[in-house]
Protein backbone atom coordinates (compact mmCIF):
# COMPACT_ATOMS: atom_id res chain seq x y z
CA MET A 1 0.00 0.00 0.00
CA ILE A 2 1.18 3.50 -0.78
CA SER A 3 1.15 6.13 1.94
CA SER A 4 -1.04 9.17 1.31
CA SER A 5 1.94 11.49 1.12
CA SER A 6 3.58 9.56 -1.71
CA SER A 7 3.22 10.47 -5.38
CA ARG A 8 5.17 7.44 -6.58
CA PRO A 9 4.00 3.92 -7.38
CA ALA A 10 4.62 1.10 -4.90
CA VAL A 11 7.61 -0.04 -6.98
CA GLU A 12 10.00 1.98 -9.10
CA VAL A 13 9.13 1.81 -12.80
CA SER A 14 11.76 2.28 -15.48
CA PRO A 15 10.50 4.59 -18.24
CA LEU A 16 11.97 2.22 -20.86
CA SER A 17 11.62 -1.55 -21.09
CA ALA A 18 13.12 -4.07 -23.50
CA GLU A 19 10.68 -6.64 -22.10
CA SER A 20 6.90 -6.87 -22.46
CA ILE A 21 5.09 -4.25 -20.42
CA ASP A 22 3.36 -5.72 -17.37
CA MET A 23 0.21 -3.62 -17.50
CA ILE A 24 -1.45 -5.54 -14.65
CA GLY A 25 1.62 -5.12 -12.45
CA LEU A 26 1.86 -1.41 -13.24
CA LEU A 27 -1.83 -0.86 -12.56
CA SER A 28 -1.70 -2.79 -9.30
CA GLY A 29 0.98 -0.39 -8.06
CA ALA A 30 -0.94 2.69 -9.16
CA HIS A 31 -3.49 2.98 -6.37
CA HIS A 32 -3.42 5.66 -3.73
CA PRO A 33 -5.79 6.40 -0.84
CA GLY A 34 -6.02 10.06 -1.90
CA ALA A 35 -6.93 9.25 -5.49
CA GLY A 36 -10.52 8.97 -6.63
CA ALA A 37 -9.51 8.44 -10.26
CA VAL A 38 -6.99 6.24 -12.03
CA VAL A 39 -6.58 6.58 -15.80
CA LEU A 40 -4.63 4.05 -17.87
CA PHE A 41 -3.62 4.71 -21.49
CA SER A 42 -2.19 1.77 -23.41
CA GLY A 43 -0.67 2.33 -26.84
CA GLU A 44 -1.09 -0.91 -28.78
CA VAL A 45 0.63 -2.09 -31.96
CA ARG A 46 -2.03 -2.23 -34.68
CA ASP A 47 -1.89 -4.29 -37.87
CA ASN A 48 -2.07 -1.32 -40.26
CA ASN A 49 -0.83 2.20 -40.78
CA LYS A 50 -1.69 4.62 -43.56
CA GLY A 51 -3.30 1.86 -45.62
CA ARG A 52 -0.39 -0.55 -45.28
CA SER A 53 -0.39 -3.91 -43.51
CA VAL A 54 1.96 -3.85 -40.51
CA LEU A 55 3.61 -7.00 -39.11
CA GLY A 56 5.28 -5.34 -36.13
CA LEU A 57 7.37 -2.47 -34.86
CA GLU A 58 10.83 -1.93 -33.49
CA TYR A 59 11.65 0.91 -31.12
CA GLU A 60 15.08 2.38 -30.46
CA ALA A 61 15.82 5.06 -27.90
CA TYR A 62 18.73 7.12 -26.74
CA ALA A 63 18.16 5.69 -23.27
CA PRO A 64 20.00 8.18 -21.00
CA LEU A 65 18.17 11.15 -22.50
CA ALA A 66 14.82 9.38 -23.01
CA ILE A 67 14.72 8.22 -19.39
CA ARG A 68 15.62 11.67 -18.10
CA MET A 69 13.04 13.37 -20.33
CA ILE A 70 10.23 10.99 -19.39
CA GLU A 71 11.04 11.40 -15.71
CA GLU A 72 10.95 15.20 -16.11
CA ILE A 73 7.61 15.03 -17.97
CA LEU A 74 6.17 12.88 -15.17
CA ALA A 75 7.47 15.29 -12.50
CA GLU A 76 5.96 18.28 -14.31
CA ALA A 77 2.59 16.51 -14.62
CA ARG A 78 2.64 15.48 -10.94
CA SER A 79 3.15 19.11 -9.97
CA LYS A 80 0.75 20.70 -12.47
CA TRP A 81 -2.19 18.39 -11.68
CA SER A 82 -1.36 17.43 -8.07
CA LEU A 83 -1.15 13.80 -9.13
CA LYS A 84 -0.89 11.07 -6.54
CA ILE A 85 0.60 8.67 -9.11
CA ALA A 86 2.20 9.20 -12.53
CA ILE A 87 3.76 6.25 -14.36
CA ALA A 88 4.98 5.91 -17.94
CA GLN A 89 6.77 3.04 -19.61
CA HIS A 90 7.74 2.74 -23.29
CA ARG A 91 8.96 -0.40 -25.02
CA THR A 92 12.22 -0.71 -26.87
CA GLY A 93 13.13 -3.50 -29.24
CA LYS A 94 10.73 -5.53 -31.38
CA VAL A 95 7.03 -5.38 -30.57
CA THR A 96 4.43 -7.49 -32.38
CA VAL A 97 0.90 -6.64 -33.45
CA GLY A 98 -1.39 -6.64 -30.42
CA ASP A 99 1.42 -5.96 -27.96
CA THR A 100 1.61 -2.87 -25.76
CA ALA A 101 4.14 -0.29 -26.91
CA VAL A 102 3.60 2.35 -24.22
CA VAL A 103 1.60 2.77 -21.01
CA VAL A 104 0.76 5.90 -19.05
CA ILE A 105 -1.08 5.70 -15.72
CA THR A 106 -2.20 8.73 -13.73
CA ALA A 107 -4.05 8.91 -10.43
CA SER A 108 -5.51 12.02 -8.86
CA ALA A 109 -8.27 13.15 -6.56
CA HIS A 110 -10.64 13.75 -9.50
CA ARG A 111 -11.03 12.32 -13.01
CA SER A 112 -10.58 15.59 -14.91
CA GLU A 113 -7.02 15.97 -13.62
CA ALA A 114 -6.19 12.29 -14.20
CA TYR A 115 -7.43 12.45 -17.81
CA ALA A 116 -5.75 15.78 -18.60
CA ALA A 117 -2.43 14.72 -17.10
CA ASN A 118 -2.50 11.37 -18.88
CA ARG A 119 -3.03 13.04 -22.27
CA TYR A 120 -0.32 15.60 -21.51
CA ILE A 121 2.20 12.88 -20.59
CA ILE A 122 1.63 10.66 -23.63
CA ASP A 123 1.61 13.61 -26.03
CA ARG A 124 4.89 14.97 -24.66
CA ILE A 125 6.57 11.54 -24.68
CA LYS A 126 5.49 10.90 -28.27
CA HIS A 127 6.59 14.36 -29.45
CA GLU A 128 9.74 14.95 -27.39
CA ALA A 129 11.44 11.79 -26.15
CA PRO A 130 14.29 10.50 -28.34
CA ILE A 131 12.52 7.28 -29.33
CA TRP A 132 12.43 6.07 -32.93
CA LYS A 133 10.05 3.59 -34.52
CA CYS A 134 10.58 1.19 -37.41
CA GLU A 135 7.47 -0.29 -38.99
CA TYR A 136 7.79 -3.69 -40.65
CA TYR A 137 5.26 -4.15 -43.46
CA ALA A 138 3.70 -7.29 -44.91
CA ASP A 139 5.23 -6.49 -48.31
CA GLY A 140 8.72 -7.03 -46.84
CA THR A 141 9.65 -3.35 -46.55
CA LYS A 142 10.32 -1.33 -43.43
CA GLU A 143 10.31 2.35 -42.59
CA TRP A 144 11.92 4.28 -39.73
CA SER A 145 10.17 7.35 -38.42
CA GLU A 146 10.04 9.61 -35.41
CA ASN A 147 7.99 8.20 -32.56
CA CYS A 148 4.93 10.36 -33.18
CA ASN A 149 2.61 10.33 -36.19
CA HIS A 150 0.82 13.44 -34.83
CA GLN A 151 -2.34 11.50 -33.99
């Protein structure tokens, strides 16, 4: 159980993971007695993009900077929305269709803050963190891009 003065999850969460994201484990550590709302965003790998069939993705990150930036984004969101919990974890390496590529969990006293903070965190990570994505297509081609497709 997390004490009411804490704004951190029960266990430390690395912002980057080369392993599958444990969404259940992350969510189980994201409860707080002062929070009336918990919002979980899960970015999933879909089987298509821009009319092309996608087989999977591969993510690369400049880890030292990406970790620092994600931690700073989380700290800013905690302060701005008085969050009780703010967690973000992004995959690196190969991720298959249907797998989770990124998770953001926010907990606050009220839902409006939890939703707003969650959107803020994922948008900033996707637009600012040095994480690159390679899409592998069914036609045998691949394409590297910046992490965000502006959607």
